[in-house]
Amino acid sequence: MKPTRQLPRLGMRVQISHFSGDVEDGAITAIHDEGRRVVVDCADGPLEFVLSRASAQFLGVEAARDARLHLPASDGARRDGQI
């Protein structure tokens, strides 16, 4: 069975959507907790995201609380609004 979502990888290019509607590009620089917590380097510096059990999306923590992380869709993953 293939995963239903793309798994984060070091160096992976991602997009960050902010509540304000701004979108910025970044790259994953660290992965923790078996892929459930990631650090992304972007224009404003590093931001931390954690995988939400409720929505299965990476949501920002602390300074990035209003942000959502979008991983690129893999060939076998569902697209469900992810890029």
N, C-alpha and C. Protein backbone atom coordinates (compact mmCIF):
# COMPACT_ATOMS: atom_id res chain seq x y z
N MET A 1 0.85 -1.18 0.00
CA MET A 1 0.00 0.00 0.00
C MET A 1 0.89 1.23 0.00
N LYS A 2 0.59 2.17 -0.88
CA LYS A 2 1.36 3.40 -0.96
C LYS A 2 0.86 4.40 0.08
N PRO A 3 1.75 5.31 0.54
CA PRO A 3 1.30 6.32 1.51
C PRO A 3 0.25 7.23 0.88
N THR A 4 -0.63 7.76 1.71
CA THR A 4 -1.68 8.66 1.22
C THR A 4 -1.18 10.10 1.14
N ARG A 5 0.03 10.34 1.65
CA ARG A 5 0.60 11.68 1.55
C ARG A 5 2.09 11.56 1.29
N GLN A 6 2.64 12.60 0.74
CA GLN A 6 4.08 12.66 0.50
C GLN A 6 4.81 12.72 1.84
N LEU A 7 5.89 12.00 1.96
CA LEU A 7 6.69 12.05 3.18
C LEU A 7 7.76 13.12 3.02
N PRO A 8 8.02 13.90 4.08
CA PRO A 8 9.02 14.96 3.97
C PRO A 8 10.42 14.38 3.82
N ARG A 9 11.26 15.07 3.02
CA ARG A 9 12.65 14.68 2.82
C ARG A 9 13.53 15.92 2.98
N LEU A 10 14.73 15.73 3.50
CA LEU A 10 15.66 16.84 3.62
C LEU A 10 15.92 17.45 2.25
N GLY A 11 15.88 18.77 2.19
CA GLY A 11 16.11 19.48 0.94
C GLY A 11 14.89 19.63 0.06
N MET A 12 13.78 18.98 0.42
CA MET A 12 12.55 19.05 -0.39
C MET A 12 12.07 20.50 -0.49
N ARG A 13 11.75 20.92 -1.70
CA ARG A 13 11.19 22.26 -1.92
C ARG A 13 9.70 22.22 -1.54
N VAL A 14 9.25 23.21 -0.79
CA VAL A 14 7.88 23.26 -0.30
C VAL A 14 7.33 24.68 -0.45
N GLN A 15 6.04 24.82 -0.24
CA GLN A 15 5.41 26.13 -0.19
C GLN A 15 4.74 26.31 1.17
N ILE A 16 4.76 27.54 1.64
CA ILE A 16 4.14 27.90 2.92
C ILE A 16 3.03 28.89 2.63
N SER A 17 1.81 28.56 3.06
CA SER A 17 0.66 29.46 2.91
C SER A 17 0.37 30.08 4.27
N HIS A 18 0.30 31.41 4.29
CA HIS A 18 -0.01 32.13 5.52
C HIS A 18 -1.49 32.52 5.52
N PHE A 19 -2.04 32.71 6.71
CA PHE A 19 -3.44 33.09 6.86
C PHE A 19 -3.74 34.38 6.09
N SER A 20 -2.77 35.26 5.98
CA SER A 20 -2.95 36.54 5.28
C SER A 20 -3.10 36.36 3.78
N GLY A 21 -2.83 35.16 3.27
CA GLY A 21 -2.91 34.90 1.84
C GLY A 21 -1.54 34.89 1.17
N ASP A 22 -0.51 35.31 1.89
CA ASP A 22 0.84 35.28 1.34
C ASP A 22 1.31 33.83 1.19
N VAL A 23 2.08 33.59 0.15
CA VAL A 23 2.66 32.28 -0.10
C VAL A 23 4.15 32.47 -0.32
N GLU A 24 4.96 31.62 0.31
CA GLU A 24 6.41 31.70 0.10
C GLU A 24 6.98 30.31 -0.09
N ASP A 25 8.12 30.28 -0.77
CA ASP A 25 8.82 29.02 -1.00
C ASP A 25 9.83 28.77 0.10
N GLY A 26 10.16 27.51 0.31
CA GLY A 26 11.16 27.15 1.30
C GLY A 26 11.69 25.76 1.02
N ALA A 27 12.57 25.30 1.89
CA ALA A 27 13.15 23.96 1.77
C ALA A 27 13.25 23.35 3.16
N ILE A 28 12.96 22.07 3.25
CA ILE A 28 13.04 21.36 4.53
C ILE A 28 14.51 21.18 4.91
N THR A 29 14.86 21.66 6.11
CA THR A 29 16.26 21.57 6.58
C THR A 29 16.43 20.60 7.74
N ALA A 30 15.35 20.18 8.39
CA ALA A 30 15.43 19.22 9.49
C ALA A 30 14.12 18.47 9.60
N ILE A 31 14.23 17.20 9.98
CA ILE A 31 13.05 16.34 10.17
C ILE A 31 13.19 15.67 11.53
N HIS A 32 12.12 15.74 12.34
CA HIS A 32 12.13 15.17 13.69
C HIS A 32 10.89 14.31 13.89
N ASP A 33 10.87 13.55 14.97
CA ASP A 33 9.71 12.74 15.37
C ASP A 33 9.18 11.87 14.24
N GLU A 34 10.08 11.15 13.58
CA GLU A 34 9.71 10.23 12.50
C GLU A 34 8.90 10.91 11.40
N GLY A 35 9.27 12.15 11.07
CA GLY A 35 8.61 12.86 9.98
C GLY A 35 7.39 13.65 10.38
N ARG A 36 7.06 13.69 11.66
CA ARG A 36 5.87 14.43 12.11
C ARG A 36 6.18 15.88 12.45
N ARG A 37 7.45 16.26 12.52
CA ARG A 37 7.84 17.64 12.80
C ARG A 37 8.98 17.99 11.86
N VAL A 38 8.85 19.15 11.17
CA VAL A 38 9.88 19.57 10.22
C VAL A 38 10.24 21.02 10.44
N VAL A 39 11.46 21.37 10.04
CA VAL A 39 11.92 22.76 10.06
C VAL A 39 12.16 23.14 8.60
N VAL A 40 11.64 24.32 8.23
CA VAL A 40 11.73 24.80 6.87
C VAL A 40 12.49 26.12 6.86
N ASP A 41 13.47 26.24 5.98
CA ASP A 41 14.19 27.48 5.80
C ASP A 41 13.48 28.28 4.70
N CYS A 42 13.12 29.52 5.03
CA CYS A 42 12.44 30.38 4.07
C CYS A 42 13.01 31.79 4.18
N ALA A 43 12.43 32.73 3.46
CA ALA A 43 12.94 34.10 3.42
C ALA A 43 13.02 34.74 4.81
N ASP A 44 12.08 34.43 5.69
CA ASP A 44 12.05 35.02 7.03
C ASP A 44 12.85 34.23 8.06
N GLY A 45 13.60 33.22 7.61
CA GLY A 45 14.36 32.37 8.52
C GLY A 45 13.66 31.05 8.71
N PRO A 46 14.15 30.23 9.64
CA PRO A 46 13.57 28.90 9.83
C PRO A 46 12.20 28.95 10.52
N LEU A 47 11.28 28.14 10.03
CA LEU A 47 9.96 27.99 10.64
C LEU A 47 9.73 26.51 10.94
N GLU A 48 9.04 26.24 12.05
CA GLU A 48 8.78 24.86 12.45
C GLU A 48 7.33 24.50 12.20
N PHE A 49 7.10 23.27 11.71
CA PHE A 49 5.76 22.78 11.42
C PHE A 49 5.60 21.41 12.04
N VAL A 50 4.37 21.11 12.48
CA VAL A 50 4.06 19.81 13.06
C VAL A 50 2.86 19.23 12.32
N LEU A 51 2.86 17.91 12.14
CA LEU A 51 1.77 17.24 11.45
C LEU A 51 0.56 17.15 12.38
N SER A 52 -0.55 17.71 11.95
CA SER A 52 -1.79 17.69 12.73
C SER A 52 -2.45 16.32 12.62
N ARG A 53 -2.77 15.73 13.76
CA ARG A 53 -3.48 14.44 13.74
C ARG A 53 -4.90 14.61 13.20
N ALA A 54 -5.50 15.76 13.43
CA ALA A 54 -6.88 15.99 13.01
C ALA A 54 -7.01 16.20 11.50
N SER A 55 -6.07 16.95 10.91
CA SER A 55 -6.20 17.29 9.50
C SER A 55 -5.19 16.61 8.59
N ALA A 56 -4.17 15.97 9.16
CA ALA A 56 -3.09 15.34 8.40
C ALA A 56 -2.34 16.35 7.54
N GLN A 57 -2.29 17.60 7.99
CA GLN A 57 -1.53 18.65 7.31
C GLN A 57 -0.49 19.19 8.27
N PHE A 58 0.60 19.71 7.71
CA PHE A 58 1.63 20.33 8.53
C PHE A 58 1.21 21.76 8.85
N LEU A 59 1.08 22.05 10.15
CA LEU A 59 0.68 23.38 10.61
C LEU A 59 1.83 24.02 11.37
N GLY A 60 1.94 25.34 11.24
CA GLY A 60 3.02 26.06 11.89
C GLY A 60 2.86 26.08 13.40
N VAL A 61 3.99 26.17 14.09
CA VAL A 61 4.01 26.30 15.55
C VAL A 61 4.71 27.59 15.91
N GLU A 62 4.42 28.11 17.09
CA GLU A 62 5.01 29.33 17.63
C GLU A 62 4.91 30.48 16.63
N ALA A 63 6.02 30.96 16.11
CA ALA A 63 6.02 32.14 15.24
C ALA A 63 5.26 31.91 13.93
N ALA A 64 5.10 30.67 13.53
CA ALA A 64 4.44 30.35 12.26
C ALA A 64 3.03 29.80 12.46
N ARG A 65 2.38 30.14 13.58
CA ARG A 65 1.08 29.54 13.90
C ARG A 65 0.02 29.73 12.82
N ASP A 66 0.13 30.79 12.04
CA ASP A 66 -0.88 31.05 11.01
C ASP A 66 -0.53 30.39 9.68
N ALA A 67 0.51 29.57 9.63
CA ALA A 67 1.00 29.02 8.36
C ALA A 67 0.65 27.55 8.20
N ARG A 68 0.56 27.15 6.94
CA ARG A 68 0.33 25.76 6.56
C ARG A 68 1.39 25.38 5.53
N LEU A 69 1.97 24.21 5.71
CA LEU A 69 3.04 23.74 4.83
C LEU A 69 2.45 22.83 3.76
N HIS A 70 2.87 23.03 2.52
CA HIS A 70 2.41 22.20 1.40
C HIS A 70 3.60 21.46 0.81
N LEU A 71 3.54 20.14 0.86
CA LEU A 71 4.56 19.30 0.24
C LEU A 71 4.13 19.01 -1.19
N PRO A 72 5.08 18.80 -2.09
CA PRO A 72 4.68 18.43 -3.46
C PRO A 72 4.03 17.05 -3.43
N ALA A 73 3.05 16.82 -4.28
CA ALA A 73 2.36 15.53 -4.33
C ALA A 73 3.27 14.49 -4.97
N SER A 74 3.30 13.30 -4.41
CA SER A 74 4.05 12.20 -5.02
C SER A 74 3.15 11.52 -6.04
N ASP A 75 3.72 10.66 -6.84
CA ASP A 75 2.95 9.96 -7.87
C ASP A 75 1.80 9.16 -7.28
N GLY A 76 2.02 8.52 -6.10
CA GLY A 76 1.01 7.66 -5.52
C GLY A 76 0.16 8.35 -4.47
N ALA A 77 0.45 9.59 -4.15
CA ALA A 77 -0.27 10.28 -3.07
C ALA A 77 -1.52 10.95 -3.59
N ARG A 78 -2.52 11.08 -2.74
CA ARG A 78 -3.71 11.84 -3.07
C ARG A 78 -3.32 13.31 -3.15
N ARG A 79 -4.06 14.09 -3.91
CA ARG A 79 -3.72 15.50 -4.09
C ARG A 79 -4.46 16.38 -3.10
N ASP A 80 -5.61 16.07 -2.61
CA ASP A 80 -6.37 16.77 -1.57
C ASP A 80 -5.91 18.20 -1.26
N GLY A 81 -5.80 19.05 -2.26
CA GLY A 81 -5.44 20.42 -2.02
C GLY A 81 -3.96 20.64 -1.82
N GLN A 82 -3.18 19.60 -1.84
CA GLN A 82 -1.72 19.73 -1.69
C GLN A 82 -1.13 20.00 -3.07
N ILE A 83 0.02 20.65 -3.10
CA ILE A 83 0.66 20.94 -4.37
C ILE A 83 1.63 19.85 -4.75
